[in-house]
Every structure is written in C-alpha cells, then in structure tokens.
C-alpha atoms as a PDB file:
ATOM      1  CA  UNK A   1      34.512  10.625 189.186  1.00  0.00           C
ATOM      2  CA  UNK A   2      35.410  10.954 185.490  1.00  0.00           C
ATOM      3  CA  UNK A   3      34.471  14.640 185.483  1.00  0.00           C
ATOM      4  CA  UNK A   4      36.501  15.234 188.649  1.00  0.00           C
ATOM      5  CA  UNK A   5      39.601  13.609 187.132  1.00  0.00           C
ATOM      6  CA  UNK A   6      39.116  15.610 183.934  1.00  0.00           C
ATOM      7  CA  UNK A   7      39.168  18.853 185.958  1.00  0.00           C
ATOM      8  CA  UNK A   8      42.325  17.661 187.710  1.00  0.00           C
ATOM      9  CA  UNK A   9      44.111  16.473 184.558  1.00  0.00           C
ATOM     10  CA  UNK A  10      43.064  19.374 182.326  1.00  0.00           C
ATOM     11  CA  UNK A  11      43.802  21.992 184.989  1.00  0.00           C
ATOM     12  CA  UNK A  12      40.410  23.667 185.162  1.00  0.00           C
ATOM     13  CA  UNK A  13      36.664  23.576 184.561  1.00  0.00           C
ATOM     14  CA  UNK A  14      36.732  25.134 181.094  1.00  0.00           C
ATOM     15  CA  UNK A  15      39.442  22.802 179.791  1.00  0.00           C
ATOM     16  CA  UNK A  16      37.667  19.794 181.340  1.00  0.00           C
ATOM     17  CA  UNK A  17      34.395  20.789 179.700  1.00  0.00           C
ATOM     18  CA  UNK A  18      36.113  21.046 176.332  1.00  0.00           C
ATOM     19  CA  UNK A  19      37.819  17.673 176.828  1.00  0.00           C
ATOM     20  CA  UNK A  20      34.534  15.985 177.806  1.00  0.00           C
ATOM     21  CA  UNK A  21      32.372  17.843 175.246  1.00  0.00           C
ATOM     22  CA  UNK A  22      30.265  19.223 178.093  1.00  0.00           C
ATOM     23  CA  UNK A  23      29.262  22.724 179.149  1.00  0.00           C
ATOM     24  CA  UNK A  24      31.153  24.469 181.947  1.00  0.00           C
ATOM     25  CA  UNK A  25      28.004  24.745 184.136  1.00  0.00           C
ATOM     26  CA  UNK A  26      27.440  21.006 183.691  1.00  0.00           C
ATOM     27  CA  UNK A  27      30.982  20.270 184.884  1.00  0.00           C
ATOM     28  CA  UNK A  28      30.552  22.677 187.799  1.00  0.00           C
ATOM     29  CA  UNK A  29      27.327  20.937 188.905  1.00  0.00           C
ATOM     30  CA  UNK A  30      29.034  17.531 188.808  1.00  0.00           C
ATOM     31  CA  UNK A  31      31.858  18.725 191.063  1.00  0.00           C
ATOM     32  CA  UNK A  32      29.486  20.505 193.440  1.00  0.00           C
ATOM     33  CA  UNK A  33      27.328  17.368 193.727  1.00  0.00           C
ATOM     34  CA  UNK A  34      30.400  15.213 194.349  1.00  0.00           C
ATOM     35  CA  UNK A  35      31.704  17.497 197.109  1.00  0.00           C
ATOM     36  CA  UNK A  36      28.234  17.619 198.673  1.00  0.00           C
ATOM     37  CA  UNK A  37      27.980  13.827 198.621  1.00  0.00           C
ATOM     38  CA  UNK A  38      31.429  13.471 200.230  1.00  0.00           C
ATOM     39  CA  UNK A  39      30.869  16.288 202.692  1.00  0.00           C
ATOM     40  CA  UNK A  40      34.220  17.902 201.963  1.00  0.00           C
ATOM     41  CA  UNK A  41      35.849  20.201 199.443  1.00  0.00           C
ATOM     42  CA  UNK A  42      38.264  18.591 197.014  1.00  0.00           C
ATOM     43  CA  UNK A  43      39.430  21.586 194.988  1.00  0.00           C
ATOM     44  CA  UNK A  44      40.888  24.988 195.782  1.00  0.00           C
ATOM     45  CA  UNK A  45      39.448  27.507 193.342  1.00  0.00           C
ATOM     46  CA  UNK A  46      40.766  30.943 192.416  1.00  0.00           C
ATOM     47  CA  UNK A  47      39.871  33.203 189.503  1.00  0.00           C
ATOM     48  CA  UNK A  48      42.890  31.893 187.616  1.00  0.00           C
ATOM     49  CA  UNK A  49      43.483  28.313 188.673  1.00  0.00           C
ATOM     50  CA  UNK A  50      42.092  25.143 190.217  1.00  0.00           C
ATOM     51  CA  UNK A  51      44.221  22.920 192.458  1.00  0.00           C
ATOM     52  CA  UNK A  52      43.745  19.930 194.721  1.00  0.00           C
ATOM     53  CA  UNK A  53      43.696  20.244 198.483  1.00  0.00           C
ATOM     54  CA  UNK A  54      44.905  17.385 200.700  1.00  0.00           C
ATOM     55  CA  UNK A  55      41.553  15.583 200.574  1.00  0.00           C
ATOM     56  CA  UNK A  56      41.427  16.032 196.819  1.00  0.00           C
ATOM     57  CA  UNK A  57      44.917  14.581 196.382  1.00  0.00           C
ATOM     58  CA  UNK A  58      43.994  11.401 198.273  1.00  0.00           C
ATOM     59  CA  UNK A  59      40.621  11.105 196.550  1.00  0.00           C
ATOM     60  CA  UNK A  60      42.095  11.597 193.059  1.00  0.00           C
ATOM     61  CA  UNK A  61      44.624   8.806 193.584  1.00  0.00           C
ATOM     62  CA  UNK A  62      41.943   6.356 194.718  1.00  0.00           C
ATOM     63  CA  UNK A  63      39.469   7.397 192.012  1.00  0.00           C
ATOM     64  CA  UNK A  64      42.064   6.833 189.296  1.00  0.00           C
ATOM     65  CA  UNK A  65      42.613   3.275 190.566  1.00  0.00           C
ATOM     66  CA  UNK A  66      38.861   2.663 190.748  1.00  0.00           C
ATOM     67  CA  UNK A  67      38.170   3.861 187.201  1.00  0.00           C
ATOM     68  CA  UNK A  68      41.068   1.819 185.824  1.00  0.00           C
ATOM     69  CA  UNK A  69      39.622  -1.254 187.546  1.00  0.00           C
ATOM     70  CA  UNK A  70      36.194  -0.505 186.087  1.00  0.00           C
ATOM     71  CA  UNK A  71      37.666  -0.183 182.573  1.00  0.00           C
ATOM     72  CA  UNK A  72      39.554  -3.447 183.033  1.00  0.00           C
ATOM     73  CA  UNK A  73      36.418  -5.234 184.245  1.00  0.00           C
ATOM     74  CA  UNK A  74      34.429  -3.970 181.243  1.00  0.00           C
ATOM     75  CA  UNK A  75      37.170  -5.046 178.831  1.00  0.00           C
ATOM     76  CA  UNK A  76      37.350  -8.522 180.358  1.00  0.00           C
ATOM     77  CA  UNK A  77      33.573  -8.919 180.115  1.00  0.00           C
ATOM     78  CA  UNK A  78      33.461  -7.943 176.459  1.00  0.00           C
ATOM     79  CA  UNK A  79      33.579 -10.450 173.677  1.00  0.00           C
ATOM     80  CA  UNK A  80      36.410 -10.355 171.133  1.00  0.00           C
ATOM     81  CA  UNK A  81      34.146  -8.603 168.621  1.00  0.00           C
ATOM     82  CA  UNK A  82      33.001  -5.812 170.897  1.00  0.00           C
ATOM     83  CA  UNK A  83      36.483  -5.370 172.384  1.00  0.00           C
ATOM     84  CA  UNK A  84      37.762  -4.482 168.927  1.00  0.00           C
ATOM     85  CA  UNK A  85      35.405  -1.535 168.726  1.00  0.00           C
ATOM     86  CA  UNK A  86      35.374   1.928 170.209  1.00  0.00           C
ATOM     87  CA  UNK A  87      37.818   4.808 170.503  1.00  0.00           C
ATOM     88  CA  UNK A  88      41.567   4.317 171.035  1.00  0.00           C
ATOM     89  CA  UNK A  89      43.090   7.433 172.594  1.00  0.00           C
ATOM     90  CA  UNK A  90      46.711   7.917 171.521  1.00  0.00           C
ATOM     91  CA  UNK A  91      49.206  10.630 172.427  1.00  0.00           C
ATOM     92  CA  UNK A  92      52.399  11.150 170.445  1.00  0.00           C
ATOM     93  CA  UNK A  93      55.059  13.732 169.721  1.00  0.00           C
ATOM     94  CA  UNK A  94      54.546  15.614 166.424  1.00  0.00           C
ATOM     95  CA  UNK A  95      57.370  13.761 164.631  1.00  0.00           C
ATOM     96  CA  UNK A  96      56.073  10.356 165.746  1.00  0.00           C
ATOM     97  CA  UNK A  97      52.531  11.256 164.735  1.00  0.00           C
ATOM     98  CA  UNK A  98      53.834  11.891 161.217  1.00  0.00           C
ATOM     99  CA  UNK A  99      56.193   8.900 161.149  1.00  0.00           C
ATOM    100  CA  UNK A 100      54.176   6.186 162.881  1.00  0.00           C
ATOM    101  CA  UNK A 101      50.483   6.915 163.091  1.00  0.00           C
ATOM    102  CA  UNK A 102      49.575   8.824 159.925  1.00  0.00           C
ATOM    103  CA  UNK A 103      51.168   6.277 157.520  1.00  0.00           C
ATOM    104  CA  UNK A 104      49.317   3.371 159.169  1.00  0.00           C
ATOM    105  CA  UNK A 105      45.916   4.905 159.908  1.00  0.00           C
ATOM    106  CA  UNK A 106      44.184   3.892 156.674  1.00  0.00           C
ATOM    107  CA  UNK A 107      45.517   0.319 156.682  1.00  0.00           C
ATOM    108  CA  UNK A 108      44.631  -0.127 160.353  1.00  0.00           C
ATOM    109  CA  UNK A 109      41.104   1.149 159.731  1.00  0.00           C
ATOM    110  CA  UNK A 110      40.654  -1.358 156.920  1.00  0.00           C
ATOM    111  CA  UNK A 111      41.697  -4.228 159.185  1.00  0.00           C
ATOM    112  CA  UNK A 112      39.853  -2.956 162.283  1.00  0.00           C
ATOM    113  CA  UNK A 113      36.920  -0.839 161.047  1.00  0.00           C
ATOM    114  CA  UNK A 114      35.336  -0.797 164.494  1.00  0.00           C
ATOM    115  CA  UNK A 115      38.244   1.050 166.140  1.00  0.00           C
ATOM    116  CA  UNK A 116      38.488   4.835 165.810  1.00  0.00           C
ATOM    117  CA  UNK A 117      41.881   6.425 166.469  1.00  0.00           C
ATOM    118  CA  UNK A 118      41.698   9.626 168.522  1.00  0.00           C
ATOM    119  CA  UNK A 119      45.209  11.113 168.335  1.00  0.00           C
ATOM    120  CA  UNK A 120      46.511  13.924 170.555  1.00  0.00           C
ATOM    121  CA  UNK A 121      49.745  15.607 169.439  1.00  0.00           C
ATOM    122  CA  UNK A 122      51.840  16.692 172.431  1.00  0.00           C
ATOM    123  CA  UNK A 123      55.367  18.144 172.145  1.00  0.00           C
ATOM    124  CA  UNK A 124      56.163  17.315 175.776  1.00  0.00           C
ATOM    125  CA  UNK A 125      58.824  14.567 176.055  1.00  0.00           C
ATOM    126  CA  UNK A 126      56.724  12.548 178.520  1.00  0.00           C
ATOM    127  CA  UNK A 127      52.990  13.336 178.502  1.00  0.00           C
ATOM    128  CA  UNK A 128      50.615  12.111 181.204  1.00  0.00           C
ATOM    129  CA  UNK A 129      49.922   8.605 179.900  1.00  0.00           C
ATOM    130  CA  UNK A 130      47.134   8.049 182.435  1.00  0.00           C
ATOM    131  CA  UNK A 131      44.911  10.247 180.257  1.00  0.00           C
ATOM    132  CA  UNK A 132      45.338   8.004 177.196  1.00  0.00           C
ATOM    133  CA  UNK A 133      45.259   4.357 176.160  1.00  0.00           C
ATOM    134  CA  UNK A 134      48.661   4.468 174.448  1.00  0.00           C
ATOM    135  CA  UNK A 135      51.514   6.892 173.904  1.00  0.00           C
ATOM    136  CA  UNK A 136      54.504   7.047 171.573  1.00  0.00           C
ATOM    137  CA  UNK A 137      57.582   8.749 173.016  1.00  0.00           C
ATOM    138  CA  UNK A 138      61.007   9.569 171.595  1.00  0.00           C
ATOM    139  CA  UNK A 139      63.501   9.644 174.459  1.00  0.00           C
ATOM    140  CA  UNK A 140      67.292   9.702 174.818  1.00  0.00           C
ATOM    141  CA  UNK A 141      69.469   6.801 175.876  1.00  0.00           C
ATOM    142  CA  UNK A 142      69.272   6.261 179.629  1.00  0.00           C
ATOM    143  CA  UNK A 143      65.716   7.577 179.899  1.00  0.00           C
ATOM    144  CA  UNK A 144      64.168   6.260 183.088  1.00  0.00           C
ATOM    145  CA  UNK A 145      60.631   7.028 184.229  1.00  0.00           C
ATOM    146  CA  UNK A 146      57.908   5.197 186.109  1.00  0.00           C
ATOM    147  CA  UNK A 147      56.021   4.097 183.009  1.00  0.00           C
ATOM    148  CA  UNK A 148      55.227   0.764 181.388  1.00  0.00           C
ATOM    149  CA  UNK A 149      56.830   0.813 177.932  1.00  0.00           C
ATOM    150  CA  UNK A 150      58.036  -1.325 175.030  1.00  0.00           C
ATOM    151  CA  UNK A 151      60.928  -0.244 172.829  1.00  0.00           C
ATOM    152  CA  UNK A 152      59.970   0.064 169.180  1.00  0.00           C
ATOM    153  CA  UNK A 153      63.329   1.230 167.802  1.00  0.00           C
ATOM    154  CA  UNK A 154      66.730   2.669 168.715  1.00  0.00           C
ATOM    155  CA  UNK A 155      68.624   4.994 166.414  1.00  0.00           C
ATOM    156  CA  UNK A 156      71.737   7.178 166.573  1.00  0.00           C
ATOM    157  CA  UNK A 157      71.353  10.869 165.764  1.00  0.00           C
ATOM    158  CA  UNK A 158      73.759  12.066 163.075  1.00  0.00           C
ATOM    159  CA  UNK A 159      74.653  15.371 161.432  1.00  0.00           C
ATOM    160  CA  UNK A 160      73.445  15.931 157.864  1.00  0.00           C
ATOM    161  CA  UNK A 161      73.388  18.631 155.217  1.00  0.00           C
ATOM    162  CA  UNK A 162      72.089  18.961 151.674  1.00  0.00           C
ATOM    163  CA  UNK A 163      74.557  18.579 148.775  1.00  0.00           C
ATOM    164  CA  UNK A 164      73.732  22.175 147.792  1.00  0.00           C
ATOM    165  CA  UNK A 165      74.943  23.448 151.176  1.00  0.00           C
ATOM    166  CA  UNK A 166      78.134  21.377 150.995  1.00  0.00           C
ATOM    167  CA  UNK A 167      78.794  22.623 147.461  1.00  0.00           C
ATOM    168  CA  UNK A 168      78.647  26.228 148.692  1.00  0.00           C
ATOM    169  CA  UNK A 169      80.299  25.923 152.093  1.00  0.00           C
ATOM    170  CA  UNK A 170      82.153  22.607 152.126  1.00  0.00           C
ATOM    171  CA  UNK A 171      81.834  20.010 154.870  1.00  0.00           C
ATOM    172  CA  UNK A 172      83.485  20.286 158.289  1.00  0.00           C
ATOM    173  CA  UNK A 173      86.437  17.930 158.580  1.00  0.00           C
ATOM    174  CA  UNK A 174      86.646  18.087 162.397  1.00  0.00           C
ATOM    175  CA  UNK A 175      84.074  18.655 165.143  1.00  0.00           C
ATOM    176  CA  UNK A 176      85.672  22.034 165.914  1.00  0.00           C
ATOM    177  CA  UNK A 177      85.027  23.154 162.322  1.00  0.00           C
ATOM    178  CA  UNK A 178      81.268  22.993 163.006  1.00  0.00           C
ATOM    179  CA  UNK A 179      81.603  26.397 164.669  1.00  0.00           C
ATOM    180  CA  UNK A 180      82.354  27.908 161.248  1.00  0.00           C
ATOM    181  CA  UNK A 181      79.183  26.531 159.608  1.00  0.00           C
ATOM    182  CA  UNK A 182      75.538  27.514 159.489  1.00  0.00           C
ATOM    183  CA  UNK A 183      73.340  25.115 161.462  1.00  0.00           C
ATOM    184  CA  UNK A 184      69.624  24.448 161.694  1.00  0.00           C
ATOM    185  CA  UNK A 185      68.752  23.959 165.352  1.00  0.00           C
ATOM    186  CA  UNK A 186      65.835  22.317 167.107  1.00  0.00           C
ATOM    187  CA  UNK A 187      63.975  24.202 169.823  1.00  0.00           C
ATOM    188  CA  UNK A 188      62.894  21.824 172.605  1.00  0.00           C
ATOM    189  CA  UNK A 189      60.228  22.609 175.234  1.00  0.00           C
ATOM    190  CA  UNK A 190      62.700  23.032 178.102  1.00  0.00           C
ATOM    191  CA  UNK A 191      66.094  23.615 176.507  1.00  0.00           C
ATOM    192  CA  UNK A 192      67.449  25.926 173.851  1.00  0.00           C
ATOM    193  CA  UNK A 193      71.200  25.757 173.216  1.00  0.00           C
ATOM    194  CA  UNK A 194      73.210  26.965 170.231  1.00  0.00           C
ATOM    195  CA  UNK A 195      75.493  23.965 170.415  1.00  0.00           C
ATOM    196  CA  UNK A 196      75.929  20.343 169.406  1.00  0.00           C
ATOM    197  CA  UNK A 197      77.144  17.722 171.897  1.00  0.00           C
ATOM    198  CA  UNK A 198      79.165  15.051 170.112  1.00  0.00           C
ATOM    199  CA  UNK A 199      79.986  11.466 171.037  1.00  0.00           C
ATOM    200  CA  UNK A 200      81.819   8.875 169.009  1.00  0.00           C
ATOM    201  CA  UNK A 201      79.541   6.378 167.333  1.00  0.00           C
ATOM    202  CA  UNK A 202      79.086   3.266 169.508  1.00  0.00           C
ATOM    203  CA  UNK A 203      80.068   5.309 172.582  1.00  0.00           C
ATOM    204  CA  UNK A 204      77.476   5.460 175.351  1.00  0.00           C
ATOM    205  CA  UNK A 205      75.805   8.855 175.472  1.00  0.00           C
ATOM    206  CA  UNK A 206      75.474   8.380 179.231  1.00  0.00           C
ATOM    207  CA  UNK A 207      79.134   9.424 179.324  1.00  0.00           C
ATOM    208  CA  UNK A 208      80.146  13.064 179.017  1.00  0.00           C
ATOM    209  CA  UNK A 209      80.296  14.203 175.379  1.00  0.00           C
ATOM    210  CA  UNK A 210      83.731  14.299 173.780  1.00  0.00           C
ATOM    211  CA  UNK A 211      82.974  17.721 172.300  1.00  0.00           C
ATOM    212  CA  UNK A 212      80.360  20.416 172.837  1.00  0.00           C
ATOM    213  CA  UNK A 213      80.603  22.835 169.946  1.00  0.00           C
ATOM    214  CA  UNK A 214      78.987  26.273 169.953  1.00  0.00           C
ATOM    215  CA  UNK A 215      77.492  26.827 166.510  1.00  0.00           C
ATOM    216  CA  UNK A 216      75.938  29.635 164.497  1.00  0.00           C
ATOM    217  CA  UNK A 217      72.248  28.999 163.758  1.00  0.00           C
ATOM    218  CA  UNK A 218      70.777  30.052 160.444  1.00  0.00           C
ATOM    219  CA  UNK A 219      67.333  29.265 161.874  1.00  0.00           C
ATOM    220  CA  UNK A 220      65.877  27.628 164.991  1.00  0.00           C
ATOM    221  CA  UNK A 221      62.690  25.578 164.613  1.00  0.00           C
ATOM    222  CA  UNK A 222      60.585  23.075 166.486  1.00  0.00           C
ATOM    223  CA  UNK A 223      58.723  20.781 164.028  1.00  0.00           C
ATOM    224  CA  UNK A 224      60.889  18.023 162.580  1.00  0.00           C
ATOM    225  CA  UNK A 225      59.215  18.337 159.178  1.00  0.00           C
ATOM    226  CA  UNK A 226      60.144  22.031 159.011  1.00  0.00           C
ATOM    227  CA  UNK A 227      63.725  21.319 160.064  1.00  0.00           C
ATOM    228  CA  UNK A 228      64.025  18.652 157.376  1.00  0.00           C
ATOM    229  CA  UNK A 229      62.665  20.940 154.664  1.00  0.00           C
ATOM    230  CA  UNK A 230      65.004  23.824 155.535  1.00  0.00           C
ATOM    231  CA  UNK A 231      67.997  21.475 155.520  1.00  0.00           C
ATOM    232  CA  UNK A 232      66.956  19.955 152.166  1.00  0.00           C
ATOM    233  CA  UNK A 233      66.761  23.533 150.856  1.00  0.00           C
ATOM    234  CA  UNK A 234      70.388  24.080 151.868  1.00  0.00           C
ATOM    235  CA  UNK A 235      69.946  26.218 154.984  1.00  0.00           C
ATOM    236  CA  UNK A 236      72.629  24.444 157.022  1.00  0.00           C
ATOM    237  CA  UNK A 237      73.675  21.409 159.027  1.00  0.00           C
ATOM    238  CA  UNK A 238      71.211  19.696 161.378  1.00  0.00           C
ATOM    239  CA  UNK A 239      70.895  16.546 163.430  1.00  0.00           C
ATOM    240  CA  UNK A 240      68.430  13.743 162.626  1.00  0.00           C
ATOM    241  CA  UNK A 241      68.102  10.164 163.775  1.00  0.00           C
ATOM    242  CA  UNK A 242      69.665   7.842 161.231  1.00  0.00           C
ATOM    243  CA  UNK A 243      66.306   6.148 160.696  1.00  0.00           C
ATOM    244  CA  UNK A 244      64.712   9.518 159.824  1.00  0.00           C
ATOM    245  CA  UNK A 245      67.563  10.542 157.508  1.00  0.00           C
ATOM    246  CA  UNK A 246      68.131   7.183 155.799  1.00  0.00           C
ATOM    247  CA  UNK A 247      65.657   7.576 152.882  1.00  0.00           C
ATOM    248  CA  UNK A 248      67.131  10.975 152.020  1.00  0.00           C
ATOM    249  CA  UNK A 249      70.701   9.715 152.351  1.00  0.00           C
ATOM    250  CA  UNK A 250      69.919   6.813 150.014  1.00  0.00           C
ATOM    251  CA  UNK A 251      68.383   9.185 147.451  1.00  0.00           C
ATOM    252  CA  UNK A 252      71.319  11.599 147.633  1.00  0.00           C
ATOM    253  CA  UNK A 253      69.150  14.408 149.007  1.00  0.00           C
ATOM    254  CA  UNK A 254      71.213  14.526 152.218  1.00  0.00           C
ATOM    255  CA  UNK A 255      74.843  13.778 153.017  1.00  0.00           C
ATOM    256  CA  UNK A 256      76.169  12.757 156.401  1.00  0.00           C
ATOM    257  CA  UNK A 257      78.529  15.246 157.999  1.00  0.00           C
ATOM    258  CA  UNK A 258      81.321  14.121 160.327  1.00  0.00           C
ATOM    259  CA  UNK A 259      80.816  10.343 159.941  1.00  0.00           C
ATOM    260  CA  UNK A 260      81.749   8.498 163.106  1.00  0.00           C
ATOM    261  CA  UNK A 261      80.241  11.171 165.376  1.00  0.00           C
ATOM    262  CA  UNK A 262      76.708  11.242 166.825  1.00  0.00           C
ATOM    263  CA  UNK A 263      74.698  13.869 168.702  1.00  0.00           C
ATOM    264  CA  UNK A 264      72.429  11.472 170.632  1.00  0.00           C
ATOM    265  CA  UNK A 265      71.066   7.954 170.750  1.00  0.00           C
ATOM    266  CA  UNK A 266      67.274   7.907 170.766  1.00  0.00           C
ATOM    267  CA  UNK A 267      64.650   5.287 171.542  1.00  0.00           C
ATOM    268  CA  UNK A 268      61.054   5.221 170.392  1.00  0.00           C
ATOM    269  CA  UNK A 269      58.834   3.789 173.123  1.00  0.00           C
ATOM    270  CA  UNK A 270      55.251   2.642 173.153  1.00  0.00           C
ATOM    271  CA  UNK A 271      54.120   3.767 176.588  1.00  0.00           C
ATOM    272  CA  UNK A 272      51.104   2.437 178.453  1.00  0.00           C
ATOM    273  CA  UNK A 273      49.160   3.688 181.467  1.00  0.00           C
ATOM    274  CA  UNK A 274      49.993   1.818 184.634  1.00  0.00           C
ATOM    275  CA  UNK A 275      47.235  -0.764 184.720  1.00  0.00           C
ATOM    276  CA  UNK A 276      47.225  -4.539 184.721  1.00  0.00           C
ATOM    277  CA  UNK A 277      44.742  -5.178 181.930  1.00  0.00           C
ATOM    278  CA  UNK A 278      45.533  -4.146 178.354  1.00  0.00           C
ATOM    279  CA  UNK A 279      42.370  -3.604 176.269  1.00  0.00           C
ATOM    280  CA  UNK A 280      42.263  -5.675 173.098  1.00  0.00           C
ATOM    281  CA  UNK A 281      41.984  -2.614 170.829  1.00  0.00           C
ATOM    282  CA  UNK A 282      45.188  -1.239 172.361  1.00  0.00           C
ATOM    283  CA  UNK A 283      46.947  -4.569 171.863  1.00  0.00           C
ATOM    284  CA  UNK A 284      45.672  -4.691 168.274  1.00  0.00           C
ATOM    285  CA  UNK A 285      47.187  -1.302 167.426  1.00  0.00           C
ATOM    286  CA  UNK A 286      50.441  -2.110 169.226  1.00  0.00           C
ATOM    287  CA  UNK A 287      50.817  -5.352 167.285  1.00  0.00           C
ATOM    288  CA  UNK A 288      49.970  -3.539 164.039  1.00  0.00           C
ATOM    289  CA  UNK A 289      52.642  -0.854 164.601  1.00  0.00           C
ATOM    290  CA  UNK A 290      55.356  -3.320 165.631  1.00  0.00           C
ATOM    291  CA  UNK A 291      54.599  -5.583 162.642  1.00  0.00           C
ATOM    292  CA  UNK A 292      54.729  -2.592 160.261  1.00  0.00           C
ATOM    293  CA  UNK A 293      58.040  -1.462 161.716  1.00  0.00           C
ATOM    294  CA  UNK A 294      59.510  -4.957 161.424  1.00  0.00           C
ATOM    295  CA  UNK A 295      58.367  -5.113 157.794  1.00  0.00           C
ATOM    296  CA  UNK A 296      60.084  -1.796 157.039  1.00  0.00           C
ATOM    297  CA  UNK A 297      56.851   0.073 156.333  1.00  0.00           C
ATOM    298  CA  UNK A 298      57.665   2.715 158.940  1.00  0.00           C
ATOM    299  CA  UNK A 299      61.331   3.401 159.605  1.00  0.00           C
ATOM    300  CA  UNK A 300      61.538   7.170 159.764  1.00  0.00           C
ATOM    301  CA  UNK A 301      61.590   7.427 163.547  1.00  0.00           C
END
C-alpha cells in the first residue's frame, strides 16, 4: 500500500523508487503483486506517465485512510520515550526553511536527540501535506483551503530599498512615481507580473487594490535570500514582509518606501495532514517553533 501511494504521489515508478530508497524493479514487483492480489489494474501506464484509473482512484482514497489509521494506532501504542524518536518529515517554502527551520534545528536536536528532521523544500504555495508530517506555508490574506492549520504569524508586505539606491535615485513620493524607479521583482510559480498592487495599510487586501503600478524591473528572481541581497546592494525597490525586513530597517540597511502603503498581507501557517491523531514528535516540533517565535528568536517570516 505504501509503495502504491508513493507511485501515485510521486507521479511514477522511478520517482517513487527514489523517494522510498528502493530500486525501480522492486517497486514494479510490488505494484504487480498488488494488482494480482486485487484482481484488477489500478494504474494506467504509458512510456511517459502513470495515472490512476477509476479503480485506482477509489483504492488510493481508502488506502490513504487505512495507512493514516495505522500510523495513529502505532503512535497511540508507543510510550512517551519512543514517540519522541524517529523521523519528522517537514515540507516548507525556501524562505520559511531559512527563516524557521534552519535557525532552530540545532537547538531542537539538543532537546530532542531522538527526532531527526527530514526537510523537503518546495516552492509551491500549497504542497501536498498528506505526504509529510508537517508543513510551513506562507499564504496571502483570505487564503482558504481544505487543510488543518495553525497561524504562526501575520505580517504586512512593504516596499523597501537600500540607502545607497535612495541616495542615487531618490524615493518615490507617490505610488505613481514607482513607475519611474528600478524594482527587484519576485518570480512566483504561477504568476509573473511587472507590477505592484498597493493597498493602504490596515486596509483589507481582500478588497481591490487602490493602485496597480507597472514598474521597470532591474532583475527578476525567485529566492527571497537573493532578492534581499540584490536590494541591499542597491539594485532597486522590492517588497518584503515587515517581519523579514525589520532587522535590516532597524540597522539602517534598508529604508521603507511609501510608508502607509502595503503590497500584501501574509500569514505563515503550520499545516497538518488531515488526520485525527497528531504524533508526539510533530507536536514537540510545533510547540518548539511557536515558543521560539513568541520569544522573538525567529521573526523573519
């Protein structure tokens, strides 16, 4: 059942074998034996892809429920000591991996030496949480999806530039003046626009933006760390959450542009797979992250 779901979730035999640290022939034999035992085919195979047929769709849904129940039963049967051991599978966006997980990994390992963190970095806004024990997502205001989640933080996204850029080019005094400035833009997986949508601070971003300004990019990037470095080097104006920009604003390495205007309002969520029982190692890491955030040890998200 686990091999079958891996083929489904990973999109093929080769990817499933890599995910499970098995050989492709081994995966193929598991699926063939399963289909023989059931007396029906579950997968449609071509030279380029693997997909579920109708029987496979129904079987995959039931198998996922069964395996989640098995995991829950095992967790409930374990003692506190053994429950705080094993591998914790986490998925997070690149920026949240850098901001939340990397700074806490060593301290968490010291407190819980029996738990190994296995972190997958996924740029997709909402990864498939059923493949992991825990996920950290950064989503806009109004985000609504069928996931179980706790909000870690909420932060407005503001426009910033380095003092060196402002010394050379000045700062825009109105939203319309942004069109005359160089900007550092973020490339998202599904959207690439050379524009900034602007709302007034405290205004709901579920409303239509007050302004949408076409801008001139000096460079377009994806990783947040790269965007930050290019802006610190004076390449142009970019948007960051206030929490991410705050240390650099306090040190004078960045200056806010167009105070009173925001480009988004973002939430950081701790997302969980849809199951009733929460393993103790997952709860331990959740509590550790929330306590660190409350103590101000991680605020750049």
